[in-house]
Amino acid sequence: MIAEPGKELRFTRSGQAPVFWILAAMGVSAALTILAAACYRWINPSLPHPLWAVLPGIPAFIFARLAVRMTRKAYLILTPLGIEIFPFFRPAANMQLVSWAEIVAADFDSARMTLHFSAEKTAGIHVSLAPVRADRRPLLEKAVKGRVNNDLSGKSLLPGNSGGHSPGHASALTADSQR
């Protein structure tokens, strides 16, 4: 549960980034191979000109930029207001906020998170978990289910807040439990 407004949990698309890092490495290696072969052009004029290295170099640069973006930019942010979902294209313009008050239940499987807006589970939203690294998914599940179920007994998932709720709220719980 997120108790302080300045704190949030961010989940990036780092699960998708390795594919783009591999594509970037393949493009760089192709460009370097062409450049290395071009060094012997004076011996064999049929070898490619060094400018041909630009062809695999441009996609390699684009794939590397995509991989960095996926690793650094947020896909899901859990805030005190709700869950912010950022799409891949134009995330600032197409960001969607699902407030905690709207969410009645949350279900998780290996491929997606389902946020239900009704107790009958007839309305809701499916969010793909493919972009999130597999080792981060249990943390996401624990954070969302803890917030949706109002689990006050658990510890906070955020550093610097050991109780999971504000100090005033903790003293009220302690006072109620002593009665």
Protein backbone atom coordinates (compact mmCIF):
# COMPACT_ATOMS: atom_id res chain seq x y z
CA MET A 1 0.00 0.00 0.00
CA ILE A 2 1.35 3.41 -0.93
CA ALA A 3 1.01 5.78 2.00
CA GLU A 4 2.91 8.87 0.92
CA PRO A 5 1.86 10.87 -2.16
CA GLY A 6 5.45 11.33 -3.32
CA LYS A 7 6.09 7.60 -3.50
CA GLU A 8 5.15 5.34 -6.33
CA LEU A 9 6.06 1.97 -7.80
CA ARG A 10 7.21 1.97 -11.42
CA PHE A 11 7.24 -1.01 -13.74
CA THR A 12 9.04 -0.61 -17.06
CA ARG A 13 8.95 -2.51 -20.35
CA SER A 14 12.31 -4.08 -19.53
CA GLY A 15 10.89 -7.51 -20.32
CA GLN A 16 10.71 -6.53 -24.01
CA ALA A 17 14.07 -4.73 -24.17
CA PRO A 18 16.37 -7.78 -24.65
CA VAL A 19 14.90 -8.50 -28.09
CA PHE A 20 15.76 -4.97 -29.24
CA TRP A 21 19.23 -5.13 -27.66
CA ILE A 22 19.88 -8.33 -29.65
CA LEU A 23 18.63 -6.71 -32.88
CA ALA A 24 20.83 -3.66 -32.22
CA ALA A 25 23.85 -5.88 -31.61
CA MET A 26 23.18 -7.77 -34.85
CA GLY A 27 22.98 -4.49 -36.77
CA VAL A 28 26.20 -3.18 -35.23
CA SER A 29 28.02 -6.42 -35.98
CA ALA A 30 26.81 -6.33 -39.60
CA ALA A 31 27.98 -2.72 -39.94
CA LEU A 32 31.36 -3.56 -38.43
CA THR A 33 31.73 -6.56 -40.74
CA ILE A 34 31.07 -4.35 -43.77
CA LEU A 35 33.58 -1.78 -42.50
CA ALA A 36 36.19 -4.48 -41.85
CA ALA A 37 35.69 -5.91 -45.33
CA ALA A 38 35.89 -2.42 -46.84
CA CYS A 39 39.39 -2.04 -45.43
CA TYR A 40 40.57 -4.54 -48.08
CA ARG A 41 38.78 -2.81 -50.93
CA TRP A 42 42.11 -1.65 -52.41
CA ILE A 43 43.04 -5.34 -52.83
CA ASN A 44 39.65 -6.54 -54.10
CA PRO A 45 37.52 -3.77 -55.66
CA SER A 46 34.41 -5.97 -55.62
CA LEU A 47 34.14 -5.59 -51.81
CA PRO A 48 31.47 -3.14 -50.62
CA HIS A 49 32.11 0.54 -50.11
CA PRO A 50 32.30 1.62 -46.43
CA LEU A 51 29.10 3.66 -46.81
CA TRP A 52 27.15 0.40 -47.09
CA ALA A 53 27.71 0.03 -43.33
CA VAL A 54 25.14 2.77 -42.84
CA LEU A 55 22.32 0.44 -43.96
CA PRO A 56 22.55 -1.93 -40.96
CA GLY A 57 23.83 0.90 -38.74
CA ILE A 58 20.65 2.99 -38.88
CA PRO A 59 18.31 0.20 -37.76
CA ALA A 60 20.85 -0.77 -35.09
CA PHE A 61 20.73 2.78 -33.75
CA ILE A 62 16.91 2.77 -33.78
CA PHE A 63 16.74 -0.61 -32.01
CA ALA A 64 19.24 0.55 -29.38
CA ARG A 65 17.17 3.69 -28.73
CA LEU A 66 14.03 1.56 -28.39
CA ALA A 67 15.76 -0.78 -25.95
CA VAL A 68 16.94 2.14 -23.81
CA ARG A 69 13.46 3.65 -23.87
CA MET A 70 11.86 0.37 -22.83
CA THR A 71 14.31 -0.04 -19.99
CA ARG A 72 13.95 3.51 -18.64
CA LYS A 73 10.37 4.62 -19.31
CA ALA A 74 7.42 3.45 -17.22
CA TYR A 75 4.74 1.04 -18.40
CA LEU A 76 2.74 0.88 -15.18
CA ILE A 77 2.95 3.25 -12.23
CA LEU A 78 1.18 2.55 -8.96
CA THR A 79 0.39 5.86 -7.27
CA PRO A 80 -1.84 6.91 -4.38
CA LEU A 81 -4.51 7.81 -6.97
CA GLY A 82 -4.47 4.53 -8.87
CA ILE A 83 -2.68 2.67 -11.62
CA GLU A 84 -1.31 4.70 -14.50
CA ILE A 85 -0.99 2.69 -17.72
CA PHE A 86 1.29 4.07 -20.42
CA PRO A 87 0.94 2.72 -23.97
CA PHE A 88 4.00 2.28 -26.18
CA PHE A 89 3.09 4.96 -28.72
CA ARG A 90 2.59 8.55 -27.50
CA PRO A 91 2.42 7.64 -23.81
CA ALA A 92 1.95 11.22 -22.59
CA ALA A 93 -1.14 11.73 -24.74
CA ASN A 94 -2.68 8.27 -24.34
CA MET A 95 -1.95 7.56 -20.67
CA GLN A 96 -4.84 5.94 -18.81
CA LEU A 97 -5.45 6.32 -15.06
CA VAL A 98 -7.49 3.65 -13.31
CA SER A 99 -8.28 4.92 -9.83
CA TRP A 100 -8.23 2.61 -6.83
CA ALA A 101 -11.89 3.42 -6.15
CA GLU A 102 -12.86 1.94 -9.53
CA ILE A 103 -11.11 -1.38 -8.92
CA VAL A 104 -13.20 -3.99 -7.08
CA ALA A 105 -10.91 -6.98 -7.65
CA ALA A 106 -7.70 -7.88 -9.43
CA ASP A 107 -6.81 -11.20 -11.03
CA PHE A 108 -3.39 -12.23 -12.27
CA ASP A 109 -2.18 -15.00 -14.52
CA SER A 110 1.13 -15.48 -16.29
CA ALA A 111 0.17 -13.29 -19.26
CA ARG A 112 -2.07 -10.52 -17.95
CA MET A 113 -3.50 -8.55 -15.06
CA THR A 114 -7.28 -8.12 -15.02
CA LEU A 115 -8.71 -5.18 -13.07
CA HIS A 116 -12.43 -5.71 -12.41
CA PHE A 117 -14.76 -2.74 -12.03
CA SER A 118 -17.78 -4.72 -10.77
CA ALA A 119 -18.27 -7.46 -8.20
CA GLU A 120 -19.73 -9.72 -10.90
CA LYS A 121 -16.46 -9.34 -12.83
CA THR A 122 -18.33 -8.31 -15.99
CA ALA A 123 -16.55 -4.99 -16.50
CA GLY A 124 -12.87 -4.25 -16.32
CA ILE A 125 -9.61 -3.91 -18.14
CA HIS A 126 -6.94 -6.41 -19.20
CA VAL A 127 -3.32 -5.28 -18.98
CA SER A 128 -0.63 -7.40 -20.61
CA LEU A 129 2.23 -8.39 -18.33
CA ALA A 130 4.54 -9.35 -21.22
CA PRO A 131 6.44 -6.03 -21.05
CA VAL A 132 7.17 -6.46 -17.33
CA ARG A 133 10.11 -8.68 -16.42
CA ALA A 134 9.05 -12.05 -15.02
CA ASP A 135 10.87 -11.49 -11.72
CA ARG A 136 8.95 -8.20 -11.17
CA ARG A 137 5.46 -9.66 -11.71
CA PRO A 138 5.06 -11.06 -8.16
CA LEU A 139 5.90 -7.61 -6.77
CA LEU A 140 3.26 -6.04 -9.02
CA GLU A 141 0.71 -8.65 -7.99
CA LYS A 142 1.44 -8.18 -4.28
CA ALA A 143 1.24 -4.40 -4.54
CA VAL A 144 -2.03 -4.32 -6.51
CA LYS A 145 -3.78 -7.01 -4.49
CA GLY A 146 -2.57 -5.45 -1.24
CA ARG A 147 -4.02 -2.09 -2.25
CA VAL A 148 -7.27 -3.47 -3.66
CA ASN A 149 -7.87 -5.70 -0.64
CA ASN A 150 -6.85 -2.89 1.78
CA ASP A 151 -4.34 -5.19 3.43
CA LEU A 152 -3.15 -3.10 6.40
CA SER A 153 -1.31 -5.98 8.04
CA GLY A 154 1.38 -6.20 5.36
CA LYS A 155 4.56 -4.23 5.17
CA SER A 156 4.97 -1.43 2.70
CA LEU A 157 6.67 -2.32 -0.56
CA LEU A 158 8.31 1.08 -0.66
CA PRO A 159 11.61 1.90 1.05
CA GLY A 160 11.47 4.31 3.96
CA ASN A 161 7.98 3.39 5.13
CA SER A 162 8.15 0.30 7.30
CA GLY A 163 4.56 0.23 8.51
CA GLY A 164 2.68 0.31 5.24
CA HIS A 165 0.53 3.25 6.40
CA SER A 166 0.92 6.69 7.86
CA PRO A 167 2.07 7.10 11.51
CA GLY A 168 -1.24 8.68 12.53
CA HIS A 169 -3.15 5.77 11.06
CA ALA A 170 -0.87 3.30 12.85
CA SER A 171 -1.53 4.92 16.24
CA ALA A 172 -5.28 4.78 15.57
CA LEU A 173 -5.00 1.07 14.80
CA THR A 174 -2.94 0.51 17.93
CA ALA A 175 -5.45 2.43 20.06
CA ASP A 176 -8.34 0.42 18.61
CA SER A 177 -6.58 -2.89 19.23
CA GLN A 178 -5.91 -2.00 22.89
CA ARG A 179 -9.58 -1.46 23.70
